[in-house]
Amino acid sequence: MKLAVLLILVLTITLSAAAQKTQSDPNDITKFNGYSWQYLNDDQRLTYVSGYFNGWWWGSVLANSNKPPAVYLTVGQIIVGIDQCYSDKRNLPVPINACFVVTVGRSKGEPYDKLEEFLAMMRKEAK
């Protein structure tokens, strides 16, 4: 019985250490950031952005009393915007949804400084 408890304890500590390594590794392609974005093919990017956009759109509709957000971008334009966001290598650790927000913000004419401040904050949090 003591041996079983000891083995479980050792296994738990080992798995916890492995999980912490994964959480702190910005190059981990299992995270939804620029590193994983680079490995997605066009169909996967289209699927990801379509799903994210639909969830964001419907969430906005429900949160704003059935008033849809005014976004005049196609899914393809959003993908290009995310690509542009990640063309700055400093943004690779930033989550994909942050680049989505920046892309939509740019299309709405949000001030450049405000969007850059947001990206700087996201870069800091991603480390």
N, C-alpha and C. Protein backbone atom coordinates (compact mmCIF):
# COMPACT_ATOMS: atom_id res chain seq x y z
N MET A 1 0.82 -1.20 0.00
CA MET A 1 0.00 0.00 0.00
C MET A 1 0.87 1.26 0.00
N LYS A 2 1.91 1.28 0.86
CA LYS A 2 2.80 2.44 0.90
C LYS A 2 3.51 2.63 -0.44
N LEU A 3 3.85 1.51 -1.07
CA LEU A 3 4.53 1.58 -2.36
C LEU A 3 3.61 2.21 -3.41
N ALA A 4 2.34 1.86 -3.40
CA ALA A 4 1.38 2.42 -4.36
C ALA A 4 1.23 3.92 -4.15
N VAL A 5 1.14 4.34 -2.91
CA VAL A 5 1.02 5.77 -2.61
C VAL A 5 2.29 6.50 -3.06
N LEU A 6 3.44 5.92 -2.80
CA LEU A 6 4.70 6.52 -3.21
C LEU A 6 4.79 6.64 -4.73
N LEU A 7 4.37 5.59 -5.45
CA LEU A 7 4.39 5.63 -6.91
C LEU A 7 3.44 6.70 -7.45
N ILE A 8 2.28 6.82 -6.85
CA ILE A 8 1.32 7.84 -7.28
C ILE A 8 1.89 9.23 -7.02
N LEU A 9 2.53 9.41 -5.88
CA LEU A 9 3.14 10.70 -5.55
C LEU A 9 4.24 11.05 -6.54
N VAL A 10 5.11 10.11 -6.86
CA VAL A 10 6.19 10.34 -7.81
C VAL A 10 5.63 10.65 -9.19
N LEU A 11 4.61 9.91 -9.61
CA LEU A 11 3.98 10.14 -10.91
C LEU A 11 3.35 11.53 -10.96
N THR A 12 2.68 11.92 -9.90
CA THR A 12 2.04 13.24 -9.84
C THR A 12 3.07 14.35 -9.94
N ILE A 13 4.16 14.23 -9.21
CA ILE A 13 5.22 15.24 -9.25
C ILE A 13 5.84 15.31 -10.65
N THR A 14 6.08 14.16 -11.25
CA THR A 14 6.67 14.11 -12.59
C THR A 14 5.75 14.76 -13.61
N LEU A 15 4.46 14.44 -13.56
CA LEU A 15 3.51 15.03 -14.50
C LEU A 15 3.35 16.52 -14.27
N SER A 16 3.37 16.94 -13.03
CA SER A 16 3.28 18.38 -12.73
C SER A 16 4.48 19.13 -13.30
N ALA A 17 5.65 18.56 -13.16
CA ALA A 17 6.85 19.20 -13.70
C ALA A 17 6.78 19.28 -15.22
N ALA A 18 6.29 18.21 -15.84
CA ALA A 18 6.16 18.22 -17.31
C ALA A 18 5.13 19.25 -17.75
N ALA A 19 4.04 19.38 -17.03
CA ALA A 19 3.02 20.37 -17.37
C ALA A 19 3.55 21.78 -17.21
N GLN A 20 4.33 22.04 -16.18
CA GLN A 20 4.90 23.36 -15.98
C GLN A 20 5.87 23.70 -17.09
N LYS A 21 6.63 22.75 -17.57
CA LYS A 21 7.56 22.98 -18.68
C LYS A 21 6.77 23.40 -19.92
N THR A 22 5.67 22.69 -20.20
CA THR A 22 4.85 23.00 -21.36
C THR A 22 4.24 24.38 -21.23
N GLN A 23 3.76 24.75 -20.05
CA GLN A 23 3.10 26.03 -19.86
C GLN A 23 4.07 27.19 -20.05
N SER A 24 5.33 27.01 -19.73
CA SER A 24 6.27 28.13 -19.79
C SER A 24 7.04 28.18 -21.11
N ASP A 25 6.83 27.24 -22.01
CA ASP A 25 7.56 27.19 -23.26
C ASP A 25 6.80 27.95 -24.35
N PRO A 26 7.25 29.14 -24.73
CA PRO A 26 6.52 29.93 -25.73
C PRO A 26 6.57 29.30 -27.12
N ASN A 27 7.47 28.37 -27.36
CA ASN A 27 7.57 27.72 -28.66
C ASN A 27 6.68 26.49 -28.78
N ASP A 28 5.92 26.19 -27.76
CA ASP A 28 5.05 25.02 -27.74
C ASP A 28 3.95 25.21 -28.79
N ILE A 29 3.95 24.38 -29.83
CA ILE A 29 2.98 24.55 -30.91
C ILE A 29 1.58 24.06 -30.54
N THR A 30 1.39 23.48 -29.35
CA THR A 30 0.05 23.09 -28.94
C THR A 30 -0.73 24.28 -28.38
N LYS A 31 -0.06 25.40 -28.17
CA LYS A 31 -0.75 26.62 -27.74
C LYS A 31 -1.27 27.32 -28.99
N PHE A 32 -2.34 28.07 -28.84
CA PHE A 32 -2.89 28.80 -29.98
C PHE A 32 -2.25 30.17 -30.05
N ASN A 33 -1.01 30.19 -30.56
CA ASN A 33 -0.26 31.44 -30.71
C ASN A 33 0.40 31.44 -32.09
N GLY A 34 1.29 32.37 -32.32
CA GLY A 34 1.93 32.48 -33.62
C GLY A 34 2.77 31.28 -34.00
N TYR A 35 3.33 30.61 -33.00
CA TYR A 35 4.13 29.42 -33.30
C TYR A 35 3.25 28.33 -33.89
N SER A 36 2.07 28.13 -33.32
CA SER A 36 1.16 27.11 -33.86
C SER A 36 0.52 27.59 -35.16
N TRP A 37 0.26 28.90 -35.26
CA TRP A 37 -0.33 29.48 -36.48
C TRP A 37 0.54 29.17 -37.69
N GLN A 38 1.85 29.21 -37.53
CA GLN A 38 2.78 28.94 -38.63
C GLN A 38 2.64 27.54 -39.20
N TYR A 39 2.19 26.60 -38.37
CA TYR A 39 2.08 25.21 -38.80
C TYR A 39 0.71 24.86 -39.37
N LEU A 40 -0.24 25.79 -39.31
CA LEU A 40 -1.56 25.53 -39.86
C LEU A 40 -1.54 25.75 -41.38
N ASN A 41 -2.19 24.85 -42.12
CA ASN A 41 -2.31 25.08 -43.56
C ASN A 41 -3.51 26.01 -43.81
N ASP A 42 -3.74 26.37 -45.06
CA ASP A 42 -4.79 27.33 -45.37
C ASP A 42 -6.18 26.87 -44.91
N ASP A 43 -6.48 25.59 -45.10
CA ASP A 43 -7.79 25.07 -44.68
C ASP A 43 -7.95 25.13 -43.16
N GLN A 44 -6.89 24.81 -42.45
CA GLN A 44 -6.95 24.85 -40.98
C GLN A 44 -7.11 26.28 -40.48
N ARG A 45 -6.42 27.22 -41.12
CA ARG A 45 -6.56 28.63 -40.74
C ARG A 45 -7.98 29.11 -41.01
N LEU A 46 -8.51 28.73 -42.16
CA LEU A 46 -9.88 29.11 -42.52
C LEU A 46 -10.87 28.55 -41.50
N THR A 47 -10.69 27.30 -41.12
CA THR A 47 -11.58 26.67 -40.15
C THR A 47 -11.47 27.34 -38.79
N TYR A 48 -10.24 27.60 -38.34
CA TYR A 48 -10.03 28.24 -37.04
C TYR A 48 -10.68 29.62 -37.01
N VAL A 49 -10.36 30.45 -38.00
CA VAL A 49 -10.87 31.83 -38.00
C VAL A 49 -12.38 31.85 -38.18
N SER A 50 -12.93 30.97 -39.02
CA SER A 50 -14.38 30.92 -39.19
C SER A 50 -15.08 30.58 -37.88
N GLY A 51 -14.56 29.57 -37.19
CA GLY A 51 -15.15 29.19 -35.90
C GLY A 51 -15.02 30.28 -34.86
N TYR A 52 -13.83 30.87 -34.79
CA TYR A 52 -13.60 31.93 -33.81
C TYR A 52 -14.49 33.14 -34.12
N PHE A 53 -14.54 33.51 -35.40
CA PHE A 53 -15.36 34.66 -35.81
C PHE A 53 -16.83 34.43 -35.48
N ASN A 54 -17.35 33.25 -35.80
CA ASN A 54 -18.75 32.96 -35.52
C ASN A 54 -19.04 32.98 -34.02
N GLY A 55 -18.16 32.42 -33.22
CA GLY A 55 -18.34 32.46 -31.77
C GLY A 55 -18.29 33.88 -31.24
N TRP A 56 -17.35 34.66 -31.74
CA TRP A 56 -17.22 36.06 -31.31
C TRP A 56 -18.45 36.85 -31.74
N TRP A 57 -18.89 36.66 -32.98
CA TRP A 57 -20.03 37.40 -33.52
C TRP A 57 -21.29 37.10 -32.71
N TRP A 58 -21.58 35.80 -32.53
CA TRP A 58 -22.79 35.42 -31.78
C TRP A 58 -22.69 35.82 -30.31
N GLY A 59 -21.51 35.73 -29.74
CA GLY A 59 -21.34 36.19 -28.35
C GLY A 59 -21.63 37.67 -28.24
N SER A 60 -21.18 38.44 -29.22
CA SER A 60 -21.46 39.88 -29.22
C SER A 60 -22.95 40.16 -29.40
N VAL A 61 -23.60 39.40 -30.27
CA VAL A 61 -25.04 39.57 -30.48
C VAL A 61 -25.80 39.31 -29.17
N LEU A 62 -25.47 38.23 -28.51
CA LEU A 62 -26.17 37.88 -27.27
C LEU A 62 -25.87 38.87 -26.15
N ALA A 63 -24.65 39.36 -26.10
CA ALA A 63 -24.26 40.29 -25.03
C ALA A 63 -24.80 41.70 -25.27
N ASN A 64 -25.10 42.03 -26.51
CA ASN A 64 -25.54 43.38 -26.85
C ASN A 64 -26.99 43.43 -27.33
N SER A 65 -27.84 42.66 -26.71
CA SER A 65 -29.28 42.67 -27.00
C SER A 65 -29.57 42.50 -28.49
N ASN A 66 -29.02 41.47 -29.08
CA ASN A 66 -29.26 41.10 -30.47
C ASN A 66 -28.74 42.10 -31.49
N LYS A 67 -27.84 42.99 -31.09
CA LYS A 67 -27.24 43.93 -32.03
C LYS A 67 -25.89 43.37 -32.48
N PRO A 68 -25.78 42.98 -33.76
CA PRO A 68 -24.51 42.40 -34.21
C PRO A 68 -23.41 43.45 -34.29
N PRO A 69 -22.16 43.01 -34.08
CA PRO A 69 -21.03 43.95 -34.19
C PRO A 69 -20.84 44.37 -35.64
N ALA A 70 -20.44 45.59 -35.84
CA ALA A 70 -20.19 46.10 -37.19
C ALA A 70 -18.78 45.75 -37.59
N VAL A 71 -18.63 44.68 -38.35
CA VAL A 71 -17.32 44.26 -38.84
C VAL A 71 -17.47 44.03 -40.34
N TYR A 72 -16.67 44.73 -41.09
CA TYR A 72 -16.74 44.63 -42.53
C TYR A 72 -15.50 43.97 -43.09
N LEU A 73 -15.19 42.81 -42.53
CA LEU A 73 -14.03 42.03 -42.96
C LEU A 73 -14.50 40.64 -43.35
N THR A 74 -13.87 40.09 -44.37
CA THR A 74 -14.11 38.69 -44.69
C THR A 74 -13.19 37.83 -43.84
N VAL A 75 -13.48 36.55 -43.79
CA VAL A 75 -12.60 35.63 -43.07
C VAL A 75 -11.20 35.68 -43.68
N GLY A 76 -11.12 35.77 -44.99
CA GLY A 76 -9.82 35.85 -45.66
C GLY A 76 -9.04 37.09 -45.24
N GLN A 77 -9.73 38.21 -45.09
CA GLN A 77 -9.06 39.43 -44.66
C GLN A 77 -8.57 39.31 -43.22
N ILE A 78 -9.33 38.62 -42.39
CA ILE A 78 -8.91 38.40 -41.01
C ILE A 78 -7.65 37.52 -40.98
N ILE A 79 -7.62 36.49 -41.83
CA ILE A 79 -6.43 35.63 -41.90
C ILE A 79 -5.22 36.43 -42.33
N VAL A 80 -5.38 37.30 -43.32
CA VAL A 80 -4.27 38.15 -43.76
C VAL A 80 -3.82 39.07 -42.62
N GLY A 81 -4.78 39.62 -41.87
CA GLY A 81 -4.44 40.48 -40.74
C GLY A 81 -3.68 39.74 -39.66
N ILE A 82 -4.07 38.49 -39.38
CA ILE A 82 -3.35 37.69 -38.39
C ILE A 82 -1.94 37.39 -38.90
N ASP A 83 -1.83 37.08 -40.19
CA ASP A 83 -0.50 36.86 -40.78
C ASP A 83 0.37 38.11 -40.62
N GLN A 84 -0.21 39.28 -40.86
CA GLN A 84 0.54 40.53 -40.71
C GLN A 84 0.96 40.74 -39.26
N CYS A 85 0.08 40.42 -38.33
CA CYS A 85 0.39 40.55 -36.91
C CYS A 85 1.61 39.69 -36.57
N TYR A 86 1.64 38.45 -37.06
CA TYR A 86 2.73 37.54 -36.74
C TYR A 86 3.97 37.78 -37.61
N SER A 87 3.88 38.66 -38.61
CA SER A 87 5.08 38.97 -39.38
C SER A 87 6.10 39.70 -38.50
N ASP A 88 5.61 40.32 -37.43
CA ASP A 88 6.50 40.88 -36.41
C ASP A 88 6.80 39.74 -35.44
N LYS A 89 8.00 39.20 -35.50
CA LYS A 89 8.37 38.01 -34.73
C LYS A 89 8.19 38.18 -33.23
N ARG A 90 8.16 39.42 -32.76
CA ARG A 90 7.92 39.64 -31.32
C ARG A 90 6.52 39.18 -30.92
N ASN A 91 5.61 39.09 -31.89
CA ASN A 91 4.23 38.73 -31.60
C ASN A 91 3.98 37.22 -31.63
N LEU A 92 4.97 36.41 -31.98
CA LEU A 92 4.76 34.97 -32.07
C LEU A 92 4.23 34.34 -30.79
N PRO A 93 4.63 34.77 -29.59
CA PRO A 93 4.07 34.16 -28.38
C PRO A 93 2.64 34.64 -28.06
N VAL A 94 2.17 35.65 -28.76
CA VAL A 94 0.86 36.24 -28.49
C VAL A 94 -0.25 35.29 -28.97
N PRO A 95 -1.31 35.12 -28.20
CA PRO A 95 -2.43 34.26 -28.63
C PRO A 95 -3.05 34.74 -29.94
N ILE A 96 -3.57 33.78 -30.70
CA ILE A 96 -4.19 34.12 -31.98
C ILE A 96 -5.34 35.10 -31.79
N ASN A 97 -6.12 34.93 -30.74
CA ASN A 97 -7.26 35.84 -30.55
C ASN A 97 -6.83 37.29 -30.36
N ALA A 98 -5.63 37.52 -29.85
CA ALA A 98 -5.14 38.90 -29.71
C ALA A 98 -4.86 39.51 -31.08
N CYS A 99 -4.30 38.71 -31.98
CA CYS A 99 -4.08 39.22 -33.34
C CYS A 99 -5.40 39.42 -34.06
N PHE A 100 -6.39 38.61 -33.74
CA PHE A 100 -7.74 38.79 -34.28
C PHE A 100 -8.29 40.15 -33.83
N VAL A 101 -8.16 40.44 -32.54
CA VAL A 101 -8.64 41.72 -31.99
C VAL A 101 -7.93 42.89 -32.66
N VAL A 102 -6.63 42.78 -32.86
CA VAL A 102 -5.86 43.85 -33.50
C VAL A 102 -6.33 44.04 -34.95
N THR A 103 -6.56 42.94 -35.65
CA THR A 103 -7.01 43.02 -37.04
C THR A 103 -8.36 43.72 -37.14
N VAL A 104 -9.29 43.35 -36.28
CA VAL A 104 -10.61 44.00 -36.28
C VAL A 104 -10.46 45.46 -35.86
N GLY A 105 -9.62 45.74 -34.87
CA GLY A 105 -9.40 47.11 -34.43
C GLY A 105 -8.85 47.98 -35.54
N ARG A 106 -7.91 47.45 -36.30
CA ARG A 106 -7.35 48.22 -37.42
C ARG A 106 -8.42 48.52 -38.46
N SER A 107 -9.29 47.54 -38.71
CA SER A 107 -10.34 47.75 -39.72
C SER A 107 -11.35 48.81 -39.27
N LYS A 108 -11.49 48.97 -37.97
CA LYS A 108 -12.42 49.97 -37.42
C LYS A 108 -11.76 51.32 -37.20
N GLY A 109 -10.47 51.42 -37.53
CA GLY A 109 -9.75 52.68 -37.38
C GLY A 109 -9.30 53.00 -35.98
N GLU A 110 -9.13 51.95 -35.15
CA GLU A 110 -8.60 52.17 -33.80
C GLU A 110 -7.22 52.80 -33.91
N PRO A 111 -6.86 53.67 -32.98
CA PRO A 111 -5.54 54.31 -33.04
C PRO A 111 -4.41 53.28 -32.99
N TYR A 112 -3.42 53.50 -33.84
CA TYR A 112 -2.27 52.60 -33.93
C TYR A 112 -1.60 52.42 -32.57
N ASP A 113 -1.42 53.52 -31.85
CA ASP A 113 -0.75 53.46 -30.54
C ASP A 113 -1.50 52.58 -29.57
N LYS A 114 -2.82 52.66 -29.60
CA LYS A 114 -3.64 51.85 -28.69
C LYS A 114 -3.48 50.36 -29.00
N LEU A 115 -3.46 50.02 -30.28
CA LEU A 115 -3.31 48.62 -30.68
C LEU A 115 -1.90 48.11 -30.36
N GLU A 116 -0.89 48.95 -30.57
CA GLU A 116 0.48 48.56 -30.24
C GLU A 116 0.65 48.38 -28.72
N GLU A 117 -0.02 49.22 -27.94
CA GLU A 117 0.03 49.08 -26.48
C GLU A 117 -0.60 47.76 -26.06
N PHE A 118 -1.71 47.41 -26.70
CA PHE A 118 -2.38 46.13 -26.43
C PHE A 118 -1.45 44.96 -26.77
N LEU A 119 -0.81 45.01 -27.93
CA LEU A 119 0.11 43.93 -28.32
C LEU A 119 1.30 43.84 -27.36
N ALA A 120 1.82 44.98 -26.94
CA ALA A 120 2.93 44.98 -25.99
C ALA A 120 2.53 44.29 -24.68
N MET A 121 1.31 44.58 -24.22
CA MET A 121 0.80 43.95 -23.01
C MET A 121 0.65 42.45 -23.21
N MET A 122 0.15 42.04 -24.38
CA MET A 122 -0.04 40.62 -24.65
C MET A 122 1.31 39.91 -24.77
N ARG A 123 2.31 40.58 -25.35
CA ARG A 123 3.66 39.98 -25.42
C ARG A 123 4.21 39.75 -24.03
N LYS A 124 4.01 40.73 -23.16
CA LYS A 124 4.51 40.62 -21.79
C LYS A 124 3.82 39.48 -21.05
N GLU A 125 2.51 39.35 -21.22
CA GLU A 125 1.76 38.29 -20.54
C GLU A 125 2.09 36.91 -21.09
N ALA A 126 2.48 36.86 -22.37
CA ALA A 126 2.74 35.55 -23.00
C ALA A 126 4.08 34.96 -22.58
N LYS A 127 4.93 35.74 -21.97
CA LYS A 127 6.26 35.24 -21.57
C LYS A 127 6.20 34.43 -20.32
